[in-house]
Amino acid sequence: MGDRSWHLRAARWIRPAAWVGGLVPFALLILGAFTGGLGADPIEYVTLRTGFATLLMLMCTLAITPLRRWTGWNWLAPARRTLGLCAFFYVCLHFATYLFDQELALGVIWEDIAERPYVTVGFTAFLLLIPLALTSTKAAIRRMGKRWQKLHRLVYIAAGLGVLHFVWLVKSDLRDPLIFAAVFALLMATRVPALLGGRGSPKGARPAAARRTAVQSRV
């Protein structure tokens, strides 16, 4: 009974906690803007930090499912959508900063996307995250059913492209990009059995809420 009570309490605070944790990088940027902490080149600093925050949120999002499987902490599930939305928030800031840096010169931007591989993969990752953010609601999960699960597996491709974008962007110190690459590889390795069809669904009917949780847990 005590363990169940603890899980119920954790389920109540996990989403607010995820929002607070997810918005810490944004709060630090705001603080830096008011205290002169954005460095000699604020645009470059904001671009790098928002990109870093995007990858961090994506890795945290991808970590929820294996953590739930290994620990049985199903109360972690609501944090996935929150952290995913935080990732989309940061990638939007990242792209907006890039547009601002390019002075909204569409011709230059399209040329940049077409000719610079790291920009191409970064832009592709951004596009892939858009439908995921738009279908992150409970109504979309109910409406799409199994198609929701298939669509949201695009997050694997988006995260992989994001890591590649970071690796190609950095020219000297590759420690951070390689750490992200290693974490991403590990998180994907935990999903191999499920992606190959080795993890089936329990037989029998389940309540709608349980079915929604099961669909989300496989992503």
N, C-alpha and C. Protein backbone atom coordinates (compact mmCIF):
# COMPACT_ATOMS: atom_id res chain seq x y z
N MET A 1 0.83 -1.21 0.00
CA MET A 1 0.00 0.00 0.00
C MET A 1 0.87 1.26 0.00
N GLY A 2 1.96 1.22 0.83
CA GLY A 2 2.84 2.39 0.89
C GLY A 2 3.50 2.67 -0.43
N ASP A 3 3.92 1.60 -1.15
CA ASP A 3 4.57 1.77 -2.45
C ASP A 3 3.59 2.36 -3.46
N ARG A 4 2.35 1.87 -3.44
CA ARG A 4 1.33 2.39 -4.36
C ARG A 4 1.04 3.85 -4.06
N SER A 5 0.99 4.21 -2.79
CA SER A 5 0.74 5.60 -2.41
C SER A 5 1.87 6.51 -2.91
N TRP A 6 3.10 6.01 -2.82
CA TRP A 6 4.23 6.79 -3.29
C TRP A 6 4.15 7.02 -4.80
N HIS A 7 3.75 5.98 -5.54
CA HIS A 7 3.61 6.09 -6.99
C HIS A 7 2.52 7.10 -7.35
N LEU A 8 1.43 7.11 -6.61
CA LEU A 8 0.35 8.06 -6.87
C LEU A 8 0.81 9.49 -6.63
N ARG A 9 1.57 9.70 -5.56
CA ARG A 9 2.10 11.04 -5.28
C ARG A 9 3.08 11.47 -6.38
N ALA A 10 3.93 10.53 -6.80
CA ALA A 10 4.90 10.85 -7.85
C ALA A 10 4.20 11.20 -9.16
N ALA A 11 3.09 10.50 -9.46
CA ALA A 11 2.35 10.77 -10.69
C ALA A 11 1.78 12.18 -10.70
N ARG A 12 1.47 12.71 -9.50
CA ARG A 12 0.89 14.05 -9.44
C ARG A 12 1.93 15.14 -9.70
N TRP A 13 3.18 14.90 -9.27
CA TRP A 13 4.17 15.98 -9.41
C TRP A 13 5.09 15.82 -10.60
N ILE A 14 5.03 14.69 -11.31
CA ILE A 14 6.02 14.46 -12.37
C ILE A 14 5.87 15.46 -13.52
N ARG A 15 4.63 15.78 -13.92
CA ARG A 15 4.46 16.72 -15.04
C ARG A 15 4.91 18.13 -14.67
N PRO A 16 4.49 18.69 -13.52
CA PRO A 16 5.02 20.01 -13.14
C PRO A 16 6.54 20.00 -13.00
N ALA A 17 7.08 18.92 -12.45
CA ALA A 17 8.53 18.83 -12.30
C ALA A 17 9.23 18.81 -13.66
N ALA A 18 8.62 18.12 -14.63
CA ALA A 18 9.19 18.07 -15.98
C ALA A 18 9.16 19.44 -16.64
N TRP A 19 8.06 20.19 -16.43
CA TRP A 19 7.99 21.55 -16.98
C TRP A 19 9.07 22.44 -16.36
N VAL A 20 9.21 22.36 -15.05
CA VAL A 20 10.21 23.18 -14.38
C VAL A 20 11.62 22.84 -14.87
N GLY A 21 11.93 21.55 -14.89
CA GLY A 21 13.25 21.14 -15.36
C GLY A 21 13.48 21.47 -16.82
N GLY A 22 12.43 21.27 -17.63
CA GLY A 22 12.57 21.52 -19.06
C GLY A 22 12.77 22.98 -19.40
N LEU A 23 12.26 23.88 -18.56
CA LEU A 23 12.38 25.31 -18.84
C LEU A 23 13.59 25.97 -18.18
N VAL A 24 14.39 25.18 -17.46
CA VAL A 24 15.59 25.74 -16.84
C VAL A 24 16.55 26.36 -17.87
N PRO A 25 16.84 25.69 -19.01
CA PRO A 25 17.74 26.31 -19.99
C PRO A 25 17.21 27.66 -20.50
N PHE A 26 15.88 27.75 -20.68
CA PHE A 26 15.30 29.02 -21.14
C PHE A 26 15.45 30.10 -20.08
N ALA A 27 15.23 29.72 -18.81
CA ALA A 27 15.40 30.68 -17.72
C ALA A 27 16.84 31.18 -17.64
N LEU A 28 17.78 30.30 -17.89
CA LEU A 28 19.20 30.70 -17.87
C LEU A 28 19.52 31.66 -19.01
N LEU A 29 18.89 31.44 -20.16
CA LEU A 29 19.10 32.37 -21.28
C LEU A 29 18.53 33.75 -20.95
N ILE A 30 17.33 33.78 -20.38
CA ILE A 30 16.72 35.05 -19.99
C ILE A 30 17.60 35.76 -18.96
N LEU A 31 18.09 35.00 -17.99
CA LEU A 31 18.97 35.58 -16.98
C LEU A 31 20.24 36.13 -17.61
N GLY A 32 20.80 35.39 -18.54
CA GLY A 32 22.00 35.84 -19.22
C GLY A 32 21.76 37.10 -20.03
N ALA A 33 20.57 37.22 -20.61
CA ALA A 33 20.24 38.41 -21.40
C ALA A 33 20.21 39.66 -20.54
N PHE A 34 19.78 39.51 -19.28
CA PHE A 34 19.68 40.66 -18.38
C PHE A 34 20.96 40.93 -17.59
N THR A 35 21.87 39.96 -17.59
CA THR A 35 23.09 40.13 -16.79
C THR A 35 24.35 40.17 -17.65
N GLY A 36 24.18 40.22 -18.97
CA GLY A 36 25.35 40.26 -19.85
C GLY A 36 26.08 38.93 -19.92
N GLY A 37 25.36 37.85 -19.72
CA GLY A 37 26.00 36.54 -19.69
C GLY A 37 25.90 35.77 -20.99
N LEU A 38 25.61 36.45 -22.10
CA LEU A 38 25.47 35.77 -23.39
C LEU A 38 26.75 35.81 -24.22
N GLY A 39 27.83 36.31 -23.63
CA GLY A 39 29.11 36.29 -24.33
C GLY A 39 29.28 37.41 -25.33
N ALA A 40 30.41 37.36 -26.04
CA ALA A 40 30.74 38.41 -27.01
C ALA A 40 29.85 38.36 -28.23
N ASP A 41 29.33 37.18 -28.56
CA ASP A 41 28.44 37.01 -29.71
C ASP A 41 27.14 36.38 -29.22
N PRO A 42 26.18 37.19 -28.77
CA PRO A 42 24.94 36.65 -28.20
C PRO A 42 24.16 35.74 -29.14
N ILE A 43 24.14 36.06 -30.44
CA ILE A 43 23.38 35.25 -31.38
C ILE A 43 23.98 33.85 -31.47
N GLU A 44 25.29 33.77 -31.57
CA GLU A 44 25.94 32.46 -31.62
C GLU A 44 25.70 31.70 -30.33
N TYR A 45 25.78 32.39 -29.20
CA TYR A 45 25.59 31.75 -27.90
C TYR A 45 24.17 31.18 -27.80
N VAL A 46 23.17 31.98 -28.14
CA VAL A 46 21.78 31.53 -28.05
C VAL A 46 21.54 30.37 -29.03
N THR A 47 22.11 30.46 -30.22
CA THR A 47 21.97 29.37 -31.19
C THR A 47 22.51 28.06 -30.64
N LEU A 48 23.70 28.12 -30.07
CA LEU A 48 24.32 26.91 -29.53
C LEU A 48 23.56 26.37 -28.32
N ARG A 49 23.15 27.27 -27.41
CA ARG A 49 22.47 26.81 -26.20
C ARG A 49 21.08 26.25 -26.48
N THR A 50 20.35 26.85 -27.43
CA THR A 50 19.02 26.32 -27.74
C THR A 50 19.15 24.99 -28.47
N GLY A 51 20.18 24.84 -29.32
CA GLY A 51 20.41 23.56 -29.97
C GLY A 51 20.77 22.49 -28.96
N PHE A 52 21.63 22.85 -28.01
CA PHE A 52 22.02 21.91 -26.95
C PHE A 52 20.80 21.50 -26.13
N ALA A 53 19.96 22.49 -25.79
CA ALA A 53 18.76 22.20 -24.99
C ALA A 53 17.80 21.29 -25.75
N THR A 54 17.69 21.49 -27.07
CA THR A 54 16.82 20.63 -27.87
C THR A 54 17.26 19.18 -27.78
N LEU A 55 18.56 18.95 -27.97
CA LEU A 55 19.07 17.58 -27.90
C LEU A 55 18.92 17.00 -26.50
N LEU A 56 19.16 17.81 -25.50
CA LEU A 56 19.03 17.34 -24.12
C LEU A 56 17.60 16.90 -23.83
N MET A 57 16.62 17.70 -24.25
CA MET A 57 15.23 17.35 -24.03
C MET A 57 14.84 16.09 -24.82
N LEU A 58 15.36 15.96 -26.05
CA LEU A 58 15.06 14.77 -26.84
C LEU A 58 15.64 13.52 -26.18
N MET A 59 16.86 13.60 -25.67
CA MET A 59 17.46 12.44 -25.01
C MET A 59 16.68 12.07 -23.74
N CYS A 60 16.26 13.08 -22.99
CA CYS A 60 15.46 12.82 -21.79
C CYS A 60 14.13 12.18 -22.16
N THR A 61 13.53 12.65 -23.24
CA THR A 61 12.27 12.07 -23.72
C THR A 61 12.44 10.61 -24.08
N LEU A 62 13.51 10.31 -24.82
CA LEU A 62 13.76 8.94 -25.25
C LEU A 62 14.14 8.03 -24.08
N ALA A 63 14.62 8.63 -22.99
CA ALA A 63 15.03 7.82 -21.83
C ALA A 63 13.85 7.35 -20.99
N ILE A 64 12.69 7.97 -21.15
CA ILE A 64 11.54 7.64 -20.30
C ILE A 64 11.11 6.19 -20.47
N THR A 65 10.98 5.73 -21.71
CA THR A 65 10.49 4.37 -21.96
C THR A 65 11.40 3.30 -21.36
N PRO A 66 12.73 3.31 -21.62
CA PRO A 66 13.56 2.29 -20.98
C PRO A 66 13.56 2.38 -19.46
N LEU A 67 13.49 3.59 -18.92
CA LEU A 67 13.43 3.72 -17.46
C LEU A 67 12.17 3.08 -16.90
N ARG A 68 11.05 3.26 -17.60
CA ARG A 68 9.80 2.65 -17.15
C ARG A 68 9.88 1.12 -17.20
N ARG A 69 10.49 0.60 -18.27
CA ARG A 69 10.61 -0.85 -18.40
C ARG A 69 11.50 -1.44 -17.31
N TRP A 70 12.60 -0.77 -17.02
CA TRP A 70 13.58 -1.32 -16.07
C TRP A 70 13.14 -1.15 -14.61
N THR A 71 12.41 -0.08 -14.32
CA THR A 71 12.07 0.22 -12.93
C THR A 71 10.61 -0.06 -12.59
N GLY A 72 9.74 -0.12 -13.60
CA GLY A 72 8.31 -0.25 -13.34
C GLY A 72 7.67 1.05 -12.90
N TRP A 73 8.40 2.16 -13.04
CA TRP A 73 7.87 3.47 -12.63
C TRP A 73 7.00 4.05 -13.74
N ASN A 74 5.79 3.59 -13.85
CA ASN A 74 4.89 4.05 -14.90
C ASN A 74 4.46 5.50 -14.71
N TRP A 75 4.65 6.04 -13.50
CA TRP A 75 4.31 7.43 -13.25
C TRP A 75 5.22 8.39 -14.04
N LEU A 76 6.29 7.87 -14.63
CA LEU A 76 7.16 8.72 -15.45
C LEU A 76 6.52 9.08 -16.80
N ALA A 77 5.51 8.31 -17.21
CA ALA A 77 4.94 8.46 -18.56
C ALA A 77 4.54 9.89 -18.92
N PRO A 78 3.85 10.64 -18.04
CA PRO A 78 3.45 12.00 -18.44
C PRO A 78 4.61 12.93 -18.76
N ALA A 79 5.80 12.60 -18.25
CA ALA A 79 6.96 13.47 -18.50
C ALA A 79 7.39 13.42 -19.97
N ARG A 80 7.04 12.35 -20.66
CA ARG A 80 7.48 12.21 -22.06
C ARG A 80 6.92 13.34 -22.91
N ARG A 81 5.62 13.56 -22.82
CA ARG A 81 5.01 14.59 -23.65
C ARG A 81 5.52 15.97 -23.26
N THR A 82 5.67 16.22 -21.96
CA THR A 82 6.16 17.52 -21.50
C THR A 82 7.56 17.79 -22.01
N LEU A 83 8.46 16.82 -21.87
CA LEU A 83 9.83 17.01 -22.33
C LEU A 83 9.89 17.09 -23.86
N GLY A 84 9.00 16.35 -24.53
CA GLY A 84 8.95 16.45 -25.99
C GLY A 84 8.52 17.84 -26.45
N LEU A 85 7.54 18.42 -25.76
CA LEU A 85 7.11 19.77 -26.10
C LEU A 85 8.21 20.80 -25.78
N CYS A 86 8.95 20.55 -24.71
CA CYS A 86 10.10 21.43 -24.40
C CYS A 86 11.13 21.35 -25.52
N ALA A 87 11.38 20.13 -26.03
CA ALA A 87 12.32 19.97 -27.13
C ALA A 87 11.86 20.77 -28.34
N PHE A 88 10.56 20.71 -28.64
CA PHE A 88 10.04 21.46 -29.78
C PHE A 88 10.14 22.96 -29.55
N PHE A 89 9.90 23.39 -28.33
CA PHE A 89 10.04 24.80 -27.98
C PHE A 89 11.47 25.28 -28.25
N TYR A 90 12.45 24.49 -27.84
CA TYR A 90 13.84 24.90 -28.02
C TYR A 90 14.28 24.83 -29.48
N VAL A 91 13.77 23.85 -30.23
CA VAL A 91 14.16 23.79 -31.64
C VAL A 91 13.54 24.97 -32.40
N CYS A 92 12.37 25.41 -31.99
CA CYS A 92 11.76 26.61 -32.60
C CYS A 92 12.60 27.85 -32.28
N LEU A 93 13.06 27.98 -31.04
CA LEU A 93 13.94 29.09 -30.68
C LEU A 93 15.24 29.01 -31.46
N HIS A 94 15.77 27.80 -31.61
CA HIS A 94 17.01 27.58 -32.34
C HIS A 94 16.86 28.03 -33.79
N PHE A 95 15.77 27.61 -34.42
CA PHE A 95 15.54 27.97 -35.82
C PHE A 95 15.25 29.46 -35.97
N ALA A 96 14.48 30.02 -35.03
CA ALA A 96 14.17 31.45 -35.07
C ALA A 96 15.45 32.29 -34.94
N THR A 97 16.37 31.85 -34.08
CA THR A 97 17.63 32.56 -33.92
C THR A 97 18.45 32.50 -35.21
N TYR A 98 18.43 31.35 -35.85
CA TYR A 98 19.12 31.20 -37.14
C TYR A 98 18.51 32.13 -38.18
N LEU A 99 17.18 32.21 -38.25
CA LEU A 99 16.52 33.11 -39.20
C LEU A 99 16.90 34.56 -38.92
N PHE A 100 16.93 34.92 -37.64
CA PHE A 100 17.31 36.27 -37.26
C PHE A 100 18.75 36.57 -37.66
N ASP A 101 19.62 35.59 -37.48
CA ASP A 101 21.02 35.76 -37.85
C ASP A 101 21.17 35.95 -39.36
N GLN A 102 20.29 35.32 -40.13
CA GLN A 102 20.32 35.44 -41.59
C GLN A 102 19.50 36.64 -42.08
N GLU A 103 18.98 37.43 -41.13
CA GLU A 103 18.21 38.64 -41.43
C GLU A 103 16.98 38.33 -42.29
N LEU A 104 16.44 37.11 -42.13
CA LEU A 104 15.22 36.68 -42.84
C LEU A 104 15.37 36.75 -44.36
N ALA A 105 16.60 36.64 -44.83
CA ALA A 105 16.85 36.65 -46.28
C ALA A 105 16.55 35.25 -46.82
N LEU A 106 15.34 35.06 -47.34
CA LEU A 106 14.89 33.73 -47.72
C LEU A 106 15.79 33.08 -48.77
N GLY A 107 16.27 33.86 -49.72
CA GLY A 107 17.16 33.31 -50.74
C GLY A 107 18.43 32.74 -50.13
N VAL A 108 19.02 33.47 -49.22
CA VAL A 108 20.24 33.02 -48.54
C VAL A 108 19.95 31.80 -47.68
N ILE A 109 18.80 31.81 -47.00
CA ILE A 109 18.43 30.69 -46.12
C ILE A 109 18.25 29.41 -46.92
N TRP A 110 17.51 29.46 -48.03
CA TRP A 110 17.29 28.26 -48.83
C TRP A 110 18.59 27.76 -49.44
N GLU A 111 19.44 28.68 -49.83
CA GLU A 111 20.75 28.28 -50.37
C GLU A 111 21.59 27.61 -49.28
N ASP A 112 21.50 28.14 -48.08
CA ASP A 112 22.23 27.57 -46.95
C ASP A 112 21.73 26.15 -46.66
N ILE A 113 20.41 25.98 -46.67
CA ILE A 113 19.83 24.67 -46.39
C ILE A 113 20.22 23.66 -47.47
N ALA A 114 20.26 24.11 -48.71
CA ALA A 114 20.55 23.20 -49.82
C ALA A 114 22.02 22.84 -49.93
N GLU A 115 22.92 23.74 -49.53
CA GLU A 115 24.34 23.54 -49.82
C GLU A 115 25.18 23.16 -48.61
N ARG A 116 24.69 23.39 -47.40
CA ARG A 116 25.50 23.06 -46.21
C ARG A 116 24.87 21.87 -45.50
N PRO A 117 25.55 20.71 -45.55
CA PRO A 117 24.94 19.48 -45.02
C PRO A 117 24.46 19.58 -43.58
N TYR A 118 25.22 20.24 -42.70
CA TYR A 118 24.79 20.30 -41.31
C TYR A 118 23.51 21.11 -41.15
N VAL A 119 23.33 22.12 -42.02
CA VAL A 119 22.08 22.89 -42.00
C VAL A 119 20.94 22.04 -42.57
N THR A 120 21.23 21.28 -43.60
CA THR A 120 20.22 20.43 -44.23
C THR A 120 19.65 19.42 -43.24
N VAL A 121 20.53 18.72 -42.52
CA VAL A 121 20.03 17.71 -41.58
C VAL A 121 19.34 18.35 -40.38
N GLY A 122 19.84 19.51 -39.95
CA GLY A 122 19.18 20.21 -38.85
C GLY A 122 17.79 20.67 -39.23
N PHE A 123 17.65 21.21 -40.43
CA PHE A 123 16.34 21.67 -40.90
C PHE A 123 15.38 20.49 -41.07
N THR A 124 15.90 19.37 -41.56
CA THR A 124 15.07 18.17 -41.72
C THR A 124 14.56 17.69 -40.37
N ALA A 125 15.44 17.69 -39.36
CA ALA A 125 15.04 17.29 -38.01
C ALA A 125 13.94 18.21 -37.49
N PHE A 126 14.07 19.50 -37.74
CA PHE A 126 13.05 20.47 -37.31
C PHE A 126 11.70 20.16 -37.96
N LEU A 127 11.71 19.88 -39.26
CA LEU A 127 10.47 19.57 -39.97
C LEU A 127 9.82 18.30 -39.41
N LEU A 128 10.63 17.31 -39.07
CA LEU A 128 10.08 16.05 -38.55
C LEU A 128 9.43 16.22 -37.18
N LEU A 129 9.92 17.19 -36.41
CA LEU A 129 9.36 17.40 -35.07
C LEU A 129 8.03 18.15 -35.10
N ILE A 130 7.75 18.84 -36.19
CA ILE A 130 6.50 19.62 -36.27
C ILE A 130 5.25 18.74 -36.14
N PRO A 131 5.11 17.67 -36.97
CA PRO A 131 3.89 16.85 -36.81
C PRO A 131 3.82 16.15 -35.46
N LEU A 132 4.96 15.88 -34.85
CA LEU A 132 4.94 15.24 -33.54
C LEU A 132 4.38 16.18 -32.49
N ALA A 133 4.77 17.44 -32.57
CA ALA A 133 4.25 18.43 -31.63
C ALA A 133 2.75 18.66 -31.85
N LEU A 134 2.33 18.69 -33.11
CA LEU A 134 0.93 18.94 -33.43
C LEU A 134 0.01 17.80 -33.02
N THR A 135 0.56 16.59 -32.90
CA THR A 135 -0.26 15.42 -32.54
C THR A 135 0.08 14.91 -31.14
N SER A 136 0.52 15.82 -30.27
CA SER A 136 0.93 15.40 -28.93
C SER A 136 -0.22 15.40 -27.91
N THR A 137 -1.43 15.73 -28.36
CA THR A 137 -2.57 15.81 -27.44
C THR A 137 -3.22 14.43 -27.24
N LYS A 138 -3.95 14.30 -26.16
CA LYS A 138 -4.67 13.05 -25.89
C LYS A 138 -5.72 12.78 -26.97
N ALA A 139 -6.32 13.85 -27.48
CA ALA A 139 -7.32 13.68 -28.54
C ALA A 139 -6.69 13.09 -29.79
N ALA A 140 -5.48 13.55 -30.13
CA ALA A 140 -4.79 13.02 -31.31
C ALA A 140 -4.42 11.55 -31.11
N ILE A 141 -4.02 11.19 -29.90
CA ILE A 141 -3.69 9.79 -29.61
C ILE A 141 -4.91 8.90 -29.79
N ARG A 142 -6.06 9.36 -29.28
CA ARG A 142 -7.29 8.57 -29.42
C ARG A 142 -7.71 8.48 -30.87
N ARG A 143 -7.62 9.59 -31.59
CA ARG A 143 -8.09 9.63 -32.97
C ARG A 143 -7.21 8.80 -33.90
N MET A 144 -5.91 8.83 -33.69
CA MET A 144 -4.98 8.17 -34.61
C MET A 144 -4.73 6.70 -34.27
N GLY A 145 -4.93 6.32 -33.00
CA GLY A 145 -4.72 4.92 -32.63
C GLY A 145 -3.29 4.46 -32.90
N LYS A 146 -3.17 3.31 -33.59
CA LYS A 146 -1.84 2.76 -33.88
C LYS A 146 -1.04 3.65 -34.82
N ARG A 147 -1.71 4.44 -35.63
CA ARG A 147 -0.98 5.35 -36.53
C ARG A 147 -0.19 6.38 -35.75
N TRP A 148 -0.68 6.73 -34.55
CA TRP A 148 0.04 7.69 -33.71
C TRP A 148 1.40 7.13 -33.33
N GLN A 149 1.42 5.87 -32.95
CA GLN A 149 2.68 5.23 -32.56
C GLN A 149 3.67 5.24 -33.73
N LYS A 150 3.19 4.90 -34.92
CA LYS A 150 4.08 4.87 -36.09
C LYS A 150 4.60 6.27 -36.41
N LEU A 151 3.72 7.28 -36.34
CA LEU A 151 4.14 8.64 -36.63
C LEU A 151 5.20 9.10 -35.64
N HIS A 152 4.99 8.81 -34.37
CA HIS A 152 5.89 9.33 -33.35
C HIS A 152 7.22 8.60 -33.28
N ARG A 153 7.36 7.54 -34.04
CA ARG A 153 8.68 6.94 -34.18
C ARG A 153 9.61 7.80 -35.03
N LEU A 154 9.04 8.81 -35.66
CA LEU A 154 9.88 9.78 -36.37
C LEU A 154 10.83 10.50 -35.43
N VAL A 155 10.52 10.47 -34.13
CA VAL A 155 11.40 11.13 -33.17
C VAL A 155 12.78 10.49 -33.19
N TYR A 156 12.86 9.19 -33.50
CA TYR A 156 14.17 8.54 -33.58
C TYR A 156 15.01 9.16 -34.69
N ILE A 157 14.38 9.36 -35.84
CA ILE A 157 15.09 9.95 -36.97
C ILE A 157 15.46 11.39 -36.67
N ALA A 158 14.51 12.14 -36.10
CA ALA A 158 14.76 13.54 -35.78
C ALA A 158 15.91 13.68 -34.79
N ALA A 159 15.91 12.84 -33.75
CA ALA A 159 16.99 12.91 -32.75
C ALA A 159 18.32 12.53 -33.37
N GLY A 160 18.32 11.50 -34.21
CA GLY A 160 19.55 11.10 -34.88
C GLY A 160 20.09 12.19 -35.78
N LEU A 161 19.22 12.84 -36.54
CA LEU A 161 19.64 13.94 -37.40
C LEU A 161 20.13 15.12 -36.57
N GLY A 162 19.49 15.35 -35.42
CA GLY A 162 19.93 16.42 -34.53
C GLY A 162 21.33 16.19 -34.02
N VAL A 163 21.62 14.95 -33.64
CA VAL A 163 22.97 14.61 -33.18
C VAL A 163 23.97 14.79 -34.32
N LEU A 164 23.61 14.33 -35.52
CA LEU A 164 24.50 14.48 -36.68
C LEU A 164 24.73 15.96 -36.99
N HIS A 165 23.69 16.76 -36.89
CA HIS A 165 23.80 18.21 -37.07
C HIS A 165 24.83 18.80 -36.11
N PHE A 166 24.78 18.37 -34.86
CA PHE A 166 25.71 18.87 -33.85
C PHE A 166 27.14 18.42 -34.15
N VAL A 167 27.31 17.16 -34.54
CA VAL A 167 28.64 16.63 -34.85
C VAL A 167 29.26 17.38 -36.02
N TRP A 168 28.47 17.62 -37.07
CA TRP A 168 29.00 18.31 -38.25
C TRP A 168 29.22 19.80 -37.99
N LEU A 169 28.46 20.36 -37.05
CA LEU A 169 28.59 21.78 -36.75
C LEU A 169 29.90 22.08 -36.02
N VAL A 170 30.24 21.23 -35.04
CA VAL A 170 31.42 21.47 -34.21
C VAL A 170 32.68 21.09 -34.98
N LYS A 171 33.63 22.00 -35.01
CA LYS A 171 34.83 21.76 -35.81
C LYS A 171 36.04 21.33 -34.98
N SER A 172 36.02 21.58 -33.68
CA SER A 172 37.22 21.27 -32.89
C SER A 172 36.91 20.32 -31.73
N ASP A 173 36.28 20.83 -30.69
CA ASP A 173 36.01 20.03 -29.50
C ASP A 173 34.73 19.20 -29.70
N LEU A 174 34.92 17.91 -29.95
CA LEU A 174 33.78 17.05 -30.27
C LEU A 174 33.23 16.31 -29.05
N ARG A 175 33.67 16.66 -27.87
CA ARG A 175 33.24 15.91 -26.69
C ARG A 175 31.73 15.91 -26.50
N ASP A 176 31.11 17.08 -26.51
CA ASP A 176 29.66 17.14 -26.30
C ASP A 176 28.89 16.41 -27.40
N PRO A 177 29.20 16.65 -28.69
CA PRO A 177 28.48 15.91 -29.74
C PRO A 177 28.64 14.40 -29.61
N LEU A 178 29.84 13.94 -29.26
CA LEU A 178 30.06 12.50 -29.16
C LEU A 178 29.35 11.91 -27.94
N ILE A 179 29.23 12.69 -26.88
CA ILE A 179 28.46 12.23 -25.72
C ILE A 179 27.00 12.04 -26.11
N PHE A 180 26.45 13.03 -26.82
CA PHE A 180 25.07 12.91 -27.29
C PHE A 180 24.92 11.71 -28.22
N ALA A 181 25.91 11.49 -29.10
CA ALA A 181 25.85 10.37 -30.03
C ALA A 181 25.86 9.04 -29.27
N ALA A 182 26.69 8.94 -28.23
CA ALA A 182 26.76 7.71 -27.44
C ALA A 182 25.45 7.46 -26.69
N VAL A 183 24.90 8.51 -26.09
CA VAL A 183 23.63 8.38 -25.36
C VAL A 183 22.51 7.97 -26.31
N PHE A 184 22.47 8.60 -27.48
CA PHE A 184 21.45 8.26 -28.47
C PHE A 184 21.58 6.80 -28.91
N ALA A 185 22.80 6.36 -29.17
CA ALA A 185 23.02 4.97 -29.59
C ALA A 185 22.56 4.00 -28.51
N LEU A 186 22.85 4.32 -27.26
CA LEU A 186 22.43 3.46 -26.14
C LEU A 186 20.91 3.40 -26.03
N LEU A 187 20.27 4.57 -26.13
CA LEU A 187 18.81 4.61 -26.02
C LEU A 187 18.13 3.87 -27.17
N MET A 188 18.72 3.94 -28.36
CA MET A 188 18.15 3.20 -29.48
C MET A 188 18.39 1.71 -29.33
N ALA A 189 19.53 1.33 -28.76
CA ALA A 189 19.82 -0.09 -28.56
C ALA A 189 18.79 -0.74 -27.64
N THR A 190 18.28 0.02 -26.67
CA THR A 190 17.26 -0.53 -25.76
C THR A 190 15.95 -0.79 -26.48
N ARG A 191 15.78 -0.19 -27.65
CA ARG A 191 14.51 -0.32 -28.38
C ARG A 191 14.56 -1.37 -29.48
N VAL A 192 15.71 -1.95 -29.71
CA VAL A 192 15.84 -2.91 -30.82
C VAL A 192 14.84 -4.05 -30.72
N PRO A 193 14.67 -4.72 -29.56
CA PRO A 193 13.69 -5.81 -29.51
C PRO A 193 12.28 -5.37 -29.89
N ALA A 194 11.86 -4.20 -29.38
CA ALA A 194 10.50 -3.73 -29.68
C ALA A 194 10.36 -3.37 -31.15
N LEU A 195 11.40 -2.73 -31.73
CA LEU A 195 11.32 -2.34 -33.12
C LEU A 195 11.32 -3.54 -34.07
N LEU A 196 11.93 -4.63 -33.61
CA LEU A 196 11.96 -5.85 -34.42
C LEU A 196 10.73 -6.72 -34.19
N GLY A 197 9.82 -6.24 -33.33
CA GLY A 197 8.58 -6.97 -33.10
C GLY A 197 8.68 -8.02 -32.02
N GLY A 198 9.71 -7.91 -31.19
CA GLY A 198 9.89 -8.93 -30.17
C GLY A 198 9.08 -8.69 -28.91
N ARG A 199 8.45 -7.54 -28.84
CA ARG A 199 7.69 -7.21 -27.63
C ARG A 199 6.23 -7.01 -28.00
N GLY A 200 5.43 -8.00 -27.77
CA GLY A 200 4.03 -7.93 -28.15
C GLY A 200 3.17 -7.28 -27.11
N SER A 201 1.95 -7.05 -27.47
CA SER A 201 0.99 -6.45 -26.55
C SER A 201 0.30 -7.54 -25.77
N PRO A 202 -0.08 -7.29 -24.52
CA PRO A 202 -0.82 -8.27 -23.73
C PRO A 202 -2.14 -8.60 -24.40
N LYS A 203 -2.56 -9.83 -24.24
CA LYS A 203 -3.83 -10.24 -24.84
C LYS A 203 -4.99 -9.73 -24.01
N GLY A 204 -6.12 -9.64 -24.68
CA GLY A 204 -7.32 -9.25 -23.96
C GLY A 204 -7.59 -7.77 -24.08
N ALA A 205 -8.83 -7.40 -23.79
CA ALA A 205 -9.21 -6.00 -23.89
C ALA A 205 -8.68 -5.24 -22.70
N ARG A 206 -8.40 -3.93 -22.92
CA ARG A 206 -7.96 -3.06 -21.84
C ARG A 206 -8.76 -1.78 -21.89
N PRO A 207 -8.87 -1.08 -20.77
CA PRO A 207 -9.56 0.21 -20.76
C PRO A 207 -8.87 1.17 -21.71
N ALA A 208 -9.63 2.19 -22.14
CA ALA A 208 -9.07 3.16 -23.10
C ALA A 208 -7.84 3.84 -22.55
N ALA A 209 -7.85 4.24 -21.27
CA ALA A 209 -6.70 4.92 -20.68
C ALA A 209 -5.47 4.03 -20.72
N ALA A 210 -5.66 2.73 -20.42
CA ALA A 210 -4.54 1.80 -20.43
C ALA A 210 -4.01 1.62 -21.84
N ARG A 211 -4.91 1.59 -22.83
CA ARG A 211 -4.46 1.45 -24.22
C ARG A 211 -3.65 2.65 -24.65
N ARG A 212 -4.09 3.86 -24.24
CA ARG A 212 -3.33 5.06 -24.60
C ARG A 212 -1.94 5.02 -23.99
N THR A 213 -1.86 4.59 -22.73
CA THR A 213 -0.56 4.50 -22.07
C THR A 213 0.33 3.47 -22.76
N ALA A 214 -0.26 2.35 -23.19
CA ALA A 214 0.53 1.32 -23.86
C ALA A 214 1.08 1.82 -25.18
N VAL A 215 0.25 2.55 -25.93
CA VAL A 215 0.72 3.09 -27.21
C VAL A 215 1.89 4.03 -26.99
N GLN A 216 1.75 4.96 -26.01
CA GLN A 216 2.82 5.91 -25.76
C GLN A 216 4.09 5.22 -25.26
N SER A 217 3.95 4.14 -24.49
CA SER A 217 5.09 3.49 -23.88
C SER A 217 5.99 2.81 -24.90
N ARG A 218 5.47 2.55 -26.10
CA ARG A 218 6.28 1.86 -27.09
C ARG A 218 7.12 2.81 -27.92
N VAL A 219 6.94 4.11 -27.77
CA VAL A 219 7.67 5.07 -28.59
C VAL A 219 9.01 5.39 -27.95
